[in-house]
Amino acid sequence: MLKLYDMELSGNCYKVRLFLSLLDKDYERIPVDLSTGEHMSADFKQLNPRSEIPVLVDGDTVVWDSHAILVYLARQKNADTWLPTDPNGMARIQQWLAVAAHEVQYGLAAARACIKFGRPGNLEELQHKAKNALKLIDGQLAKTQWLTGDRATIADLASYPYVRCAEDGHISVTGYDNIRRWFDQIQSLDGYVPMLEPVEITV
């Protein structure tokens, strides 16, 4: 069975959990406690020398980096709908994976981490970068139904978590109507799961 080294509140981990659910794949979830430095242990560094989550283990194969894992899962499933193999389709995917790794990660994700986890950073500058990312994504979604065209791909999954959590970084998505429509589309996909599992409250 697949093993996913994971943290519930990590957007990068969530994009992998979401894809696994959309593909209807069973896996074992192994929590990694970053607050205690578990990711810096010698054992964990054997899995990922960068000491980062998520990490996917598939038998003897170890894949780290959330986008690399999305690619691995798509190709393993031979899911051309999620990762097209034609040159134009692959290039478009790579373009938006780059946006997710830069504008989204260093704007939206960093602003969220600054507020939610107390990470250091110039919040005003991070929020400015985040708003530029939202404008970029909303502008593309004004032209196409999904980021790379008329169907969902791993490009959408790569950006979705931190865009969806924009308000955690005190960044509003009000006025970004195309992004809000995109949220609804992703949440209507068969197999969609939220980042956090619903909590049952007993009285």
N, C-alpha and C. Protein backbone atom coordinates (compact mmCIF):
# COMPACT_ATOMS: atom_id res chain seq x y z
N MET A 1 0.83 -1.20 0.00
CA MET A 1 0.00 0.00 0.00
C MET A 1 0.87 1.25 0.00
N LEU A 2 0.40 2.28 -0.67
CA LEU A 2 1.09 3.56 -0.67
C LEU A 2 1.15 4.13 0.75
N LYS A 3 2.26 4.81 1.05
CA LYS A 3 2.40 5.50 2.33
C LYS A 3 2.64 6.97 2.06
N LEU A 4 1.91 7.84 2.75
CA LEU A 4 2.08 9.28 2.59
C LEU A 4 2.49 9.89 3.92
N TYR A 5 3.70 10.44 3.95
CA TYR A 5 4.17 11.18 5.12
C TYR A 5 3.61 12.59 4.99
N ASP A 6 2.87 13.01 6.02
CA ASP A 6 1.87 14.05 5.82
C ASP A 6 1.69 14.91 7.06
N MET A 7 1.22 16.14 6.86
CA MET A 7 0.74 16.98 7.96
C MET A 7 -0.59 17.57 7.53
N GLU A 8 -1.58 17.47 8.40
CA GLU A 8 -2.95 17.82 8.00
C GLU A 8 -3.09 19.25 7.50
N LEU A 9 -2.42 20.22 8.13
CA LEU A 9 -2.61 21.61 7.78
C LEU A 9 -1.71 22.09 6.64
N SER A 10 -0.89 21.22 6.11
CA SER A 10 -0.01 21.59 5.00
C SER A 10 -0.77 21.56 3.68
N GLY A 11 -0.77 22.69 2.98
CA GLY A 11 -1.41 22.74 1.66
C GLY A 11 -0.72 21.84 0.66
N ASN A 12 0.60 21.70 0.77
CA ASN A 12 1.33 20.84 -0.15
C ASN A 12 0.98 19.37 0.07
N CYS A 13 0.77 18.99 1.32
CA CYS A 13 0.33 17.63 1.61
C CYS A 13 -1.11 17.43 1.15
N TYR A 14 -1.93 18.45 1.36
CA TYR A 14 -3.34 18.33 0.99
C TYR A 14 -3.52 18.10 -0.51
N LYS A 15 -2.71 18.76 -1.35
CA LYS A 15 -2.89 18.56 -2.79
C LYS A 15 -2.65 17.10 -3.17
N VAL A 16 -1.76 16.42 -2.44
CA VAL A 16 -1.52 14.99 -2.70
C VAL A 16 -2.69 14.16 -2.18
N ARG A 17 -3.16 14.45 -0.95
CA ARG A 17 -4.31 13.72 -0.42
C ARG A 17 -5.53 13.89 -1.33
N LEU A 18 -5.72 15.10 -1.82
CA LEU A 18 -6.86 15.36 -2.71
C LEU A 18 -6.76 14.53 -3.98
N PHE A 19 -5.57 14.48 -4.58
CA PHE A 19 -5.41 13.73 -5.82
C PHE A 19 -5.59 12.23 -5.57
N LEU A 20 -5.06 11.73 -4.47
CA LEU A 20 -5.24 10.32 -4.14
C LEU A 20 -6.73 9.99 -4.00
N SER A 21 -7.48 10.90 -3.41
CA SER A 21 -8.92 10.68 -3.26
C SER A 21 -9.63 10.74 -4.61
N LEU A 22 -9.25 11.69 -5.45
CA LEU A 22 -9.86 11.79 -6.78
C LEU A 22 -9.56 10.56 -7.63
N LEU A 23 -8.39 9.96 -7.41
CA LEU A 23 -8.02 8.74 -8.13
C LEU A 23 -8.57 7.48 -7.46
N ASP A 24 -9.19 7.66 -6.29
CA ASP A 24 -9.76 6.54 -5.53
C ASP A 24 -8.68 5.51 -5.17
N LYS A 25 -7.54 6.02 -4.68
CA LYS A 25 -6.44 5.14 -4.30
C LYS A 25 -6.35 5.04 -2.78
N ASP A 26 -6.18 3.83 -2.30
CA ASP A 26 -5.98 3.60 -0.88
C ASP A 26 -4.53 3.93 -0.50
N TYR A 27 -4.35 4.45 0.69
CA TYR A 27 -2.99 4.74 1.16
C TYR A 27 -2.99 4.83 2.67
N GLU A 28 -1.80 4.67 3.23
CA GLU A 28 -1.61 4.82 4.67
C GLU A 28 -1.05 6.20 4.93
N ARG A 29 -1.67 6.89 5.83
CA ARG A 29 -1.26 8.26 6.14
C ARG A 29 -0.38 8.24 7.39
N ILE A 30 0.84 8.76 7.27
CA ILE A 30 1.78 8.77 8.39
C ILE A 30 2.05 10.23 8.79
N PRO A 31 1.49 10.69 9.92
CA PRO A 31 1.68 12.08 10.33
C PRO A 31 3.14 12.38 10.68
N VAL A 32 3.58 13.56 10.30
CA VAL A 32 4.92 14.03 10.64
C VAL A 32 4.76 15.32 11.45
N ASP A 33 5.31 15.34 12.64
CA ASP A 33 5.16 16.49 13.54
C ASP A 33 6.32 17.46 13.32
N LEU A 34 6.04 18.51 12.55
CA LEU A 34 7.08 19.50 12.27
C LEU A 34 7.44 20.31 13.51
N SER A 35 6.48 20.46 14.42
CA SER A 35 6.72 21.29 15.60
C SER A 35 7.79 20.70 16.51
N THR A 36 7.97 19.39 16.45
CA THR A 36 9.00 18.74 17.28
C THR A 36 10.27 18.43 16.47
N GLY A 37 10.29 18.87 15.20
CA GLY A 37 11.46 18.63 14.37
C GLY A 37 11.58 17.22 13.85
N GLU A 38 10.47 16.50 13.81
CA GLU A 38 10.50 15.11 13.35
C GLU A 38 11.03 15.01 11.92
N HIS A 39 10.75 16.05 11.11
CA HIS A 39 11.20 16.06 9.71
C HIS A 39 12.70 16.25 9.58
N MET A 40 13.35 16.63 10.68
CA MET A 40 14.80 16.84 10.65
C MET A 40 15.58 15.62 11.14
N SER A 41 14.87 14.58 11.52
CA SER A 41 15.52 13.39 12.06
C SER A 41 16.30 12.65 10.97
N ALA A 42 17.26 11.87 11.40
CA ALA A 42 18.08 11.10 10.45
C ALA A 42 17.22 10.12 9.66
N ASP A 43 16.24 9.51 10.33
CA ASP A 43 15.37 8.55 9.65
C ASP A 43 14.58 9.23 8.54
N PHE A 44 14.04 10.42 8.85
CA PHE A 44 13.24 11.10 7.83
C PHE A 44 14.11 11.58 6.67
N LYS A 45 15.32 12.01 6.98
CA LYS A 45 16.22 12.46 5.92
C LYS A 45 16.62 11.33 4.98
N GLN A 46 16.47 10.10 5.44
CA GLN A 46 16.70 8.97 4.54
C GLN A 46 15.62 8.93 3.47
N LEU A 47 14.42 9.43 3.80
CA LEU A 47 13.33 9.50 2.84
C LEU A 47 13.44 10.74 1.97
N ASN A 48 13.71 11.87 2.62
CA ASN A 48 13.82 13.13 1.89
C ASN A 48 14.97 13.95 2.45
N PRO A 49 16.08 14.03 1.74
CA PRO A 49 17.23 14.78 2.24
C PRO A 49 16.94 16.28 2.40
N ARG A 50 15.84 16.75 1.82
CA ARG A 50 15.46 18.16 1.98
C ARG A 50 14.66 18.39 3.26
N SER A 51 14.33 17.32 3.97
CA SER A 51 13.60 17.41 5.24
C SER A 51 12.26 18.14 5.09
N GLU A 52 11.55 17.82 4.02
CA GLU A 52 10.25 18.45 3.77
C GLU A 52 9.18 17.40 3.54
N ILE A 53 7.95 17.78 3.81
CA ILE A 53 6.79 16.95 3.49
C ILE A 53 6.04 17.61 2.35
N PRO A 54 5.29 16.82 1.59
CA PRO A 54 4.99 15.40 1.73
C PRO A 54 6.06 14.50 1.11
N VAL A 55 6.00 13.24 1.52
CA VAL A 55 6.81 12.19 0.89
C VAL A 55 5.87 11.01 0.61
N LEU A 56 5.95 10.46 -0.58
CA LEU A 56 5.15 9.29 -0.95
C LEU A 56 6.07 8.10 -1.11
N VAL A 57 5.71 7.00 -0.48
CA VAL A 57 6.47 5.76 -0.60
C VAL A 57 5.58 4.72 -1.28
N ASP A 58 6.08 4.20 -2.39
CA ASP A 58 5.34 3.18 -3.15
C ASP A 58 6.28 1.99 -3.34
N GLY A 59 6.22 1.05 -2.39
CA GLY A 59 7.16 -0.06 -2.43
C GLY A 59 8.58 0.43 -2.24
N ASP A 60 9.44 0.20 -3.23
CA ASP A 60 10.83 0.65 -3.16
C ASP A 60 11.01 2.06 -3.72
N THR A 61 9.94 2.65 -4.21
CA THR A 61 10.02 3.98 -4.81
C THR A 61 9.65 5.05 -3.79
N VAL A 62 10.50 6.05 -3.65
CA VAL A 62 10.25 7.17 -2.75
C VAL A 62 10.21 8.45 -3.58
N VAL A 63 9.12 9.19 -3.46
CA VAL A 63 8.97 10.43 -4.22
C VAL A 63 8.71 11.56 -3.25
N TRP A 64 9.52 12.61 -3.31
CA TRP A 64 9.26 13.80 -2.50
C TRP A 64 9.05 15.00 -3.41
N ASP A 65 8.47 16.04 -2.84
CA ASP A 65 8.00 17.25 -3.52
C ASP A 65 6.57 17.00 -4.01
N SER A 66 5.66 17.87 -3.58
CA SER A 66 4.25 17.64 -3.87
C SER A 66 3.96 17.57 -5.37
N HIS A 67 4.61 18.40 -6.16
CA HIS A 67 4.34 18.40 -7.60
C HIS A 67 4.91 17.16 -8.27
N ALA A 68 6.08 16.71 -7.81
CA ALA A 68 6.65 15.47 -8.34
C ALA A 68 5.72 14.30 -8.02
N ILE A 69 5.11 14.34 -6.84
CA ILE A 69 4.18 13.26 -6.46
C ILE A 69 2.94 13.30 -7.35
N LEU A 70 2.42 14.50 -7.64
CA LEU A 70 1.27 14.60 -8.53
C LEU A 70 1.59 14.01 -9.90
N VAL A 71 2.77 14.33 -10.42
CA VAL A 71 3.19 13.79 -11.71
C VAL A 71 3.30 12.27 -11.64
N TYR A 72 3.93 11.77 -10.57
CA TYR A 72 4.11 10.32 -10.41
C TYR A 72 2.77 9.59 -10.39
N LEU A 73 1.85 10.11 -9.61
CA LEU A 73 0.55 9.46 -9.50
C LEU A 73 -0.22 9.50 -10.81
N ALA A 74 -0.14 10.62 -11.52
CA ALA A 74 -0.85 10.75 -12.79
C ALA A 74 -0.29 9.78 -13.83
N ARG A 75 1.02 9.67 -13.89
CA ARG A 75 1.62 8.78 -14.87
C ARG A 75 1.47 7.31 -14.46
N GLN A 76 1.52 7.05 -13.16
CA GLN A 76 1.34 5.68 -12.68
C GLN A 76 -0.06 5.20 -13.04
N LYS A 77 -1.01 6.08 -12.93
CA LYS A 77 -2.40 5.75 -13.25
C LYS A 77 -2.64 5.82 -14.77
N ASN A 78 -1.61 6.30 -15.50
CA ASN A 78 -1.75 6.54 -16.94
C ASN A 78 -2.95 7.45 -17.19
N ALA A 79 -3.09 8.44 -16.30
CA ALA A 79 -4.26 9.33 -16.36
C ALA A 79 -3.97 10.53 -17.25
N ASP A 80 -4.10 10.34 -18.55
CA ASP A 80 -3.83 11.43 -19.49
C ASP A 80 -4.74 12.63 -19.27
N THR A 81 -5.91 12.38 -18.68
CA THR A 81 -6.79 13.51 -18.41
C THR A 81 -6.18 14.46 -17.38
N TRP A 82 -5.40 13.92 -16.44
CA TRP A 82 -4.79 14.74 -15.41
C TRP A 82 -3.43 15.27 -15.82
N LEU A 83 -2.72 14.54 -16.68
CA LEU A 83 -1.40 14.98 -17.14
C LEU A 83 -1.25 14.59 -18.62
N PRO A 84 -1.67 15.47 -19.51
CA PRO A 84 -1.61 15.17 -20.94
C PRO A 84 -0.18 14.86 -21.38
N THR A 85 -0.05 14.04 -22.39
CA THR A 85 1.28 13.65 -22.88
C THR A 85 1.67 14.37 -24.17
N ASP A 86 0.76 15.13 -24.76
CA ASP A 86 1.13 15.88 -25.96
C ASP A 86 1.98 17.08 -25.55
N PRO A 87 2.88 17.55 -26.43
CA PRO A 87 3.80 18.64 -26.08
C PRO A 87 3.11 19.90 -25.59
N ASN A 88 2.04 20.31 -26.24
CA ASN A 88 1.35 21.52 -25.83
C ASN A 88 0.72 21.35 -24.45
N GLY A 89 0.07 20.20 -24.24
CA GLY A 89 -0.57 19.95 -22.95
C GLY A 89 0.43 19.88 -21.81
N MET A 90 1.55 19.21 -22.05
CA MET A 90 2.58 19.10 -21.01
C MET A 90 3.20 20.45 -20.69
N ALA A 91 3.42 21.26 -21.73
CA ALA A 91 4.01 22.58 -21.52
C ALA A 91 3.09 23.46 -20.68
N ARG A 92 1.80 23.41 -20.96
CA ARG A 92 0.84 24.20 -20.19
C ARG A 92 0.82 23.76 -18.73
N ILE A 93 0.89 22.45 -18.51
CA ILE A 93 0.95 21.95 -17.14
C ILE A 93 2.18 22.50 -16.43
N GLN A 94 3.34 22.42 -17.08
CA GLN A 94 4.59 22.88 -16.46
C GLN A 94 4.53 24.37 -16.14
N GLN A 95 3.89 25.15 -17.01
CA GLN A 95 3.78 26.59 -16.76
C GLN A 95 3.04 26.85 -15.44
N TRP A 96 1.93 26.13 -15.23
CA TRP A 96 1.13 26.38 -14.04
C TRP A 96 1.70 25.71 -12.80
N LEU A 97 2.46 24.64 -12.98
CA LEU A 97 3.20 24.09 -11.84
C LEU A 97 4.24 25.10 -11.37
N ALA A 98 4.84 25.82 -12.31
CA ALA A 98 5.81 26.86 -11.96
C ALA A 98 5.14 27.99 -11.18
N VAL A 99 3.95 28.38 -11.60
CA VAL A 99 3.20 29.41 -10.87
C VAL A 99 2.89 28.94 -9.45
N ALA A 100 2.47 27.68 -9.32
CA ALA A 100 2.17 27.12 -7.99
C ALA A 100 3.41 27.10 -7.10
N ALA A 101 4.57 26.83 -7.70
CA ALA A 101 5.81 26.72 -6.93
C ALA A 101 6.43 28.08 -6.60
N HIS A 102 6.00 29.12 -7.29
CA HIS A 102 6.60 30.44 -7.08
C HIS A 102 5.58 31.46 -6.59
N GLU A 103 4.76 31.99 -7.49
CA GLU A 103 3.81 33.03 -7.09
C GLU A 103 2.87 32.57 -5.97
N VAL A 104 2.35 31.35 -6.09
CA VAL A 104 1.43 30.85 -5.06
C VAL A 104 2.19 30.52 -3.78
N GLN A 105 3.30 29.81 -3.89
CA GLN A 105 4.05 29.38 -2.71
C GLN A 105 4.65 30.56 -1.95
N TYR A 106 5.25 31.50 -2.67
CA TYR A 106 5.93 32.61 -2.01
C TYR A 106 5.05 33.82 -1.76
N GLY A 107 3.78 33.71 -2.13
CA GLY A 107 2.82 34.76 -1.84
C GLY A 107 1.75 34.23 -0.91
N LEU A 108 0.82 33.47 -1.47
CA LEU A 108 -0.32 32.97 -0.69
C LEU A 108 0.10 32.04 0.44
N ALA A 109 0.93 31.05 0.13
CA ALA A 109 1.34 30.09 1.15
C ALA A 109 2.19 30.76 2.23
N ALA A 110 3.08 31.65 1.81
CA ALA A 110 3.97 32.30 2.78
C ALA A 110 3.21 33.25 3.69
N ALA A 111 2.22 33.97 3.15
CA ALA A 111 1.41 34.86 3.99
C ALA A 111 0.61 34.04 5.00
N ARG A 112 0.07 32.92 4.56
CA ARG A 112 -0.67 32.02 5.46
C ARG A 112 0.25 31.51 6.58
N ALA A 113 1.45 31.09 6.22
CA ALA A 113 2.39 30.57 7.20
C ALA A 113 2.81 31.65 8.19
N CYS A 114 2.92 32.86 7.72
CA CYS A 114 3.31 33.99 8.57
C CYS A 114 2.28 34.22 9.67
N ILE A 115 1.00 34.18 9.29
CA ILE A 115 -0.07 34.44 10.24
C ILE A 115 -0.44 33.20 11.05
N LYS A 116 -0.61 32.09 10.37
CA LYS A 116 -1.13 30.89 11.03
C LYS A 116 -0.07 30.16 11.85
N PHE A 117 1.18 30.19 11.40
CA PHE A 117 2.22 29.41 12.07
C PHE A 117 3.35 30.27 12.63
N GLY A 118 3.21 31.59 12.53
CA GLY A 118 4.22 32.48 13.08
C GLY A 118 5.55 32.46 12.36
N ARG A 119 5.54 32.08 11.08
CA ARG A 119 6.79 32.07 10.32
C ARG A 119 7.26 33.51 10.08
N PRO A 120 8.57 33.75 10.04
CA PRO A 120 9.06 35.11 9.80
C PRO A 120 8.77 35.55 8.37
N GLY A 121 8.64 36.86 8.19
CA GLY A 121 8.41 37.38 6.85
C GLY A 121 7.75 38.74 6.90
N ASN A 122 7.90 39.50 5.83
CA ASN A 122 7.24 40.80 5.70
C ASN A 122 5.84 40.55 5.18
N LEU A 123 4.86 40.59 6.09
CA LEU A 123 3.50 40.21 5.74
C LEU A 123 2.93 41.08 4.61
N GLU A 124 3.17 42.36 4.68
CA GLU A 124 2.64 43.25 3.65
C GLU A 124 3.20 42.89 2.27
N GLU A 125 4.47 42.59 2.21
CA GLU A 125 5.10 42.20 0.95
C GLU A 125 4.55 40.85 0.47
N LEU A 126 4.38 39.92 1.38
CA LEU A 126 3.85 38.61 1.03
C LEU A 126 2.41 38.71 0.52
N GLN A 127 1.62 39.55 1.15
CA GLN A 127 0.23 39.75 0.71
C GLN A 127 0.17 40.40 -0.66
N HIS A 128 1.12 41.28 -0.94
CA HIS A 128 1.18 41.90 -2.26
C HIS A 128 1.47 40.84 -3.33
N LYS A 129 2.42 39.96 -3.04
CA LYS A 129 2.73 38.88 -3.97
C LYS A 129 1.52 37.95 -4.14
N ALA A 130 0.83 37.72 -3.03
CA ALA A 130 -0.35 36.85 -3.06
C ALA A 130 -1.44 37.42 -3.97
N LYS A 131 -1.66 38.71 -3.87
CA LYS A 131 -2.69 39.35 -4.70
C LYS A 131 -2.31 39.30 -6.18
N ASN A 132 -1.03 39.41 -6.46
CA ASN A 132 -0.57 39.27 -7.86
C ASN A 132 -0.84 37.85 -8.37
N ALA A 133 -0.66 36.86 -7.50
CA ALA A 133 -0.95 35.48 -7.88
C ALA A 133 -2.43 35.29 -8.17
N LEU A 134 -3.27 35.88 -7.32
CA LEU A 134 -4.71 35.77 -7.53
C LEU A 134 -5.12 36.41 -8.85
N LYS A 135 -4.56 37.57 -9.17
CA LYS A 135 -4.88 38.25 -10.43
C LYS A 135 -4.46 37.39 -11.63
N LEU A 136 -3.29 36.77 -11.51
CA LEU A 136 -2.78 35.91 -12.58
C LEU A 136 -3.72 34.72 -12.82
N ILE A 137 -4.10 34.06 -11.73
CA ILE A 137 -4.96 32.89 -11.84
C ILE A 137 -6.37 33.27 -12.30
N ASP A 138 -6.91 34.33 -11.72
CA ASP A 138 -8.25 34.76 -12.10
C ASP A 138 -8.29 35.18 -13.57
N GLY A 139 -7.21 35.82 -14.03
CA GLY A 139 -7.14 36.23 -15.43
C GLY A 139 -7.16 35.03 -16.37
N GLN A 140 -6.45 33.97 -16.01
CA GLN A 140 -6.46 32.77 -16.84
C GLN A 140 -7.83 32.11 -16.83
N LEU A 141 -8.45 32.07 -15.65
CA LEU A 141 -9.76 31.43 -15.53
C LEU A 141 -10.88 32.24 -16.18
N ALA A 142 -10.59 33.47 -16.52
CA ALA A 142 -11.55 34.26 -17.30
C ALA A 142 -11.56 33.80 -18.75
N LYS A 143 -10.46 33.14 -19.16
CA LYS A 143 -10.33 32.69 -20.56
C LYS A 143 -10.60 31.21 -20.74
N THR A 144 -10.34 30.42 -19.70
CA THR A 144 -10.52 28.97 -19.79
C THR A 144 -11.26 28.47 -18.57
N GLN A 145 -11.95 27.34 -18.71
CA GLN A 145 -12.72 26.78 -17.61
C GLN A 145 -11.82 26.33 -16.47
N TRP A 146 -10.70 25.69 -16.84
CA TRP A 146 -9.69 25.24 -15.89
C TRP A 146 -8.38 25.91 -16.26
N LEU A 147 -7.35 25.77 -15.45
CA LEU A 147 -6.12 26.53 -15.69
C LEU A 147 -5.46 26.24 -17.03
N THR A 148 -5.59 25.00 -17.51
CA THR A 148 -4.93 24.68 -18.78
C THR A 148 -5.91 24.41 -19.92
N GLY A 149 -7.19 24.64 -19.68
CA GLY A 149 -8.14 24.41 -20.77
C GLY A 149 -9.51 24.02 -20.29
N ASP A 150 -10.09 22.98 -20.92
CA ASP A 150 -11.48 22.63 -20.65
C ASP A 150 -11.64 21.45 -19.71
N ARG A 151 -10.57 21.03 -19.03
CA ARG A 151 -10.69 19.94 -18.08
C ARG A 151 -9.70 20.14 -16.93
N ALA A 152 -10.04 19.52 -15.82
CA ALA A 152 -9.16 19.61 -14.64
C ALA A 152 -7.90 18.80 -14.87
N THR A 153 -6.77 19.35 -14.41
CA THR A 153 -5.49 18.66 -14.49
C THR A 153 -4.75 18.84 -13.16
N ILE A 154 -3.58 18.26 -13.08
CA ILE A 154 -2.79 18.42 -11.85
C ILE A 154 -2.36 19.88 -11.65
N ALA A 155 -2.42 20.68 -12.71
CA ALA A 155 -2.11 22.11 -12.57
C ALA A 155 -3.11 22.78 -11.63
N ASP A 156 -4.37 22.41 -11.74
CA ASP A 156 -5.39 22.97 -10.86
C ASP A 156 -5.18 22.52 -9.42
N LEU A 157 -4.86 21.25 -9.24
CA LEU A 157 -4.65 20.71 -7.89
C LEU A 157 -3.42 21.33 -7.23
N ALA A 158 -2.42 21.69 -8.04
CA ALA A 158 -1.18 22.25 -7.49
C ALA A 158 -1.40 23.62 -6.88
N SER A 159 -2.30 24.41 -7.46
CA SER A 159 -2.54 25.77 -6.96
C SER A 159 -3.70 25.87 -5.99
N TYR A 160 -4.67 24.98 -6.13
CA TYR A 160 -5.92 25.10 -5.38
C TYR A 160 -5.77 25.25 -3.87
N PRO A 161 -5.00 24.41 -3.17
CA PRO A 161 -5.02 24.46 -1.71
C PRO A 161 -4.70 25.85 -1.13
N TYR A 162 -3.63 26.47 -1.61
CA TYR A 162 -3.24 27.75 -1.01
C TYR A 162 -4.09 28.90 -1.50
N VAL A 163 -4.65 28.79 -2.70
CA VAL A 163 -5.61 29.80 -3.14
C VAL A 163 -6.88 29.68 -2.29
N ARG A 164 -7.30 28.46 -2.05
CA ARG A 164 -8.51 28.23 -1.24
C ARG A 164 -8.33 28.72 0.19
N CYS A 165 -7.08 28.69 0.68
CA CYS A 165 -6.80 29.13 2.05
C CYS A 165 -6.32 30.58 2.10
N ALA A 166 -6.58 31.34 1.07
CA ALA A 166 -6.07 32.72 1.00
C ALA A 166 -6.44 33.54 2.23
N GLU A 167 -7.64 33.35 2.74
CA GLU A 167 -8.08 34.16 3.87
C GLU A 167 -7.29 33.87 5.14
N ASP A 168 -6.62 32.71 5.20
CA ASP A 168 -5.73 32.43 6.33
C ASP A 168 -4.57 33.43 6.37
N GLY A 169 -4.24 33.98 5.21
CA GLY A 169 -3.20 35.00 5.12
C GLY A 169 -3.76 36.41 5.09
N HIS A 170 -5.05 36.52 5.48
CA HIS A 170 -5.77 37.79 5.50
C HIS A 170 -5.84 38.41 4.10
N ILE A 171 -6.11 37.55 3.12
CA ILE A 171 -6.24 37.97 1.73
C ILE A 171 -7.61 37.52 1.24
N SER A 172 -8.43 38.47 0.84
CA SER A 172 -9.79 38.16 0.43
C SER A 172 -9.83 37.75 -1.04
N VAL A 173 -10.70 36.78 -1.35
CA VAL A 173 -10.92 36.40 -2.75
C VAL A 173 -12.20 37.03 -3.28
N THR A 174 -12.79 37.94 -2.49
CA THR A 174 -13.97 38.67 -2.95
C THR A 174 -13.60 39.47 -4.20
N GLY A 175 -14.43 39.37 -5.21
CA GLY A 175 -14.16 40.08 -6.46
C GLY A 175 -13.46 39.24 -7.50
N TYR A 176 -12.90 38.12 -7.08
CA TYR A 176 -12.26 37.20 -8.02
C TYR A 176 -13.29 36.13 -8.40
N ASP A 177 -14.24 36.54 -9.22
CA ASP A 177 -15.38 35.68 -9.53
C ASP A 177 -14.97 34.40 -10.25
N ASN A 178 -13.96 34.48 -11.08
CA ASN A 178 -13.52 33.28 -11.81
C ASN A 178 -12.89 32.26 -10.87
N ILE A 179 -12.15 32.75 -9.89
CA ILE A 179 -11.56 31.86 -8.89
C ILE A 179 -12.65 31.22 -8.05
N ARG A 180 -13.65 31.98 -7.67
CA ARG A 180 -14.74 31.43 -6.86
C ARG A 180 -15.52 30.36 -7.63
N ARG A 181 -15.69 30.59 -8.92
CA ARG A 181 -16.33 29.58 -9.77
C ARG A 181 -15.46 28.33 -9.85
N TRP A 182 -14.15 28.53 -9.94
CA TRP A 182 -13.18 27.43 -9.98
C TRP A 182 -13.22 26.61 -8.70
N PHE A 183 -13.36 27.29 -7.56
CA PHE A 183 -13.52 26.58 -6.28
C PHE A 183 -14.70 25.62 -6.36
N ASP A 184 -15.83 26.12 -6.84
CA ASP A 184 -17.04 25.29 -6.93
C ASP A 184 -16.82 24.09 -7.85
N GLN A 185 -16.10 24.31 -8.95
CA GLN A 185 -15.84 23.22 -9.89
C GLN A 185 -15.00 22.13 -9.25
N ILE A 186 -13.94 22.54 -8.55
CA ILE A 186 -13.06 21.57 -7.91
C ILE A 186 -13.81 20.80 -6.83
N GLN A 187 -14.60 21.52 -6.05
CA GLN A 187 -15.32 20.89 -4.95
C GLN A 187 -16.44 19.97 -5.45
N SER A 188 -16.81 20.09 -6.72
CA SER A 188 -17.83 19.21 -7.28
C SER A 188 -17.23 17.97 -7.96
N LEU A 189 -15.90 17.88 -8.00
CA LEU A 189 -15.26 16.71 -8.61
C LEU A 189 -15.56 15.46 -7.78
N ASP A 190 -15.80 14.35 -8.46
CA ASP A 190 -16.08 13.08 -7.78
C ASP A 190 -14.85 12.64 -6.99
N GLY A 191 -15.01 12.51 -5.69
CA GLY A 191 -13.89 12.11 -4.84
C GLY A 191 -13.26 13.27 -4.09
N TYR A 192 -13.80 14.49 -4.29
CA TYR A 192 -13.25 15.65 -3.59
C TYR A 192 -13.32 15.46 -2.07
N VAL A 193 -12.23 15.86 -1.40
CA VAL A 193 -12.21 15.89 0.07
C VAL A 193 -11.67 17.24 0.52
N PRO A 194 -12.16 17.79 1.62
CA PRO A 194 -11.63 19.05 2.14
C PRO A 194 -10.27 18.85 2.79
N MET A 195 -9.58 19.95 3.05
CA MET A 195 -8.28 19.84 3.70
C MET A 195 -8.40 19.22 5.09
N LEU A 196 -9.36 19.69 5.86
CA LEU A 196 -9.56 19.19 7.21
C LEU A 196 -10.78 18.29 7.23
N GLU A 197 -10.65 17.16 7.90
CA GLU A 197 -11.78 16.27 8.05
C GLU A 197 -12.81 16.91 8.99
N PRO A 198 -14.10 16.75 8.67
CA PRO A 198 -15.12 17.30 9.56
C PRO A 198 -14.99 16.73 10.96
N VAL A 199 -15.19 17.59 11.93
CA VAL A 199 -15.09 17.18 13.33
C VAL A 199 -16.49 16.95 13.89
N GLU A 200 -16.71 15.77 14.42
CA GLU A 200 -18.01 15.47 15.02
C GLU A 200 -18.07 16.05 16.44
N ILE A 201 -19.12 16.81 16.69
CA ILE A 201 -19.29 17.42 18.01
C ILE A 201 -20.41 16.70 18.73
N THR A 202 -20.08 16.14 19.87
CA THR A 202 -21.10 15.45 20.67
C THR A 202 -21.50 16.31 21.84
N VAL A 203 -22.77 16.33 22.11
CA VAL A 203 -23.30 17.15 23.20
C VAL A 203 -23.66 16.26 24.37
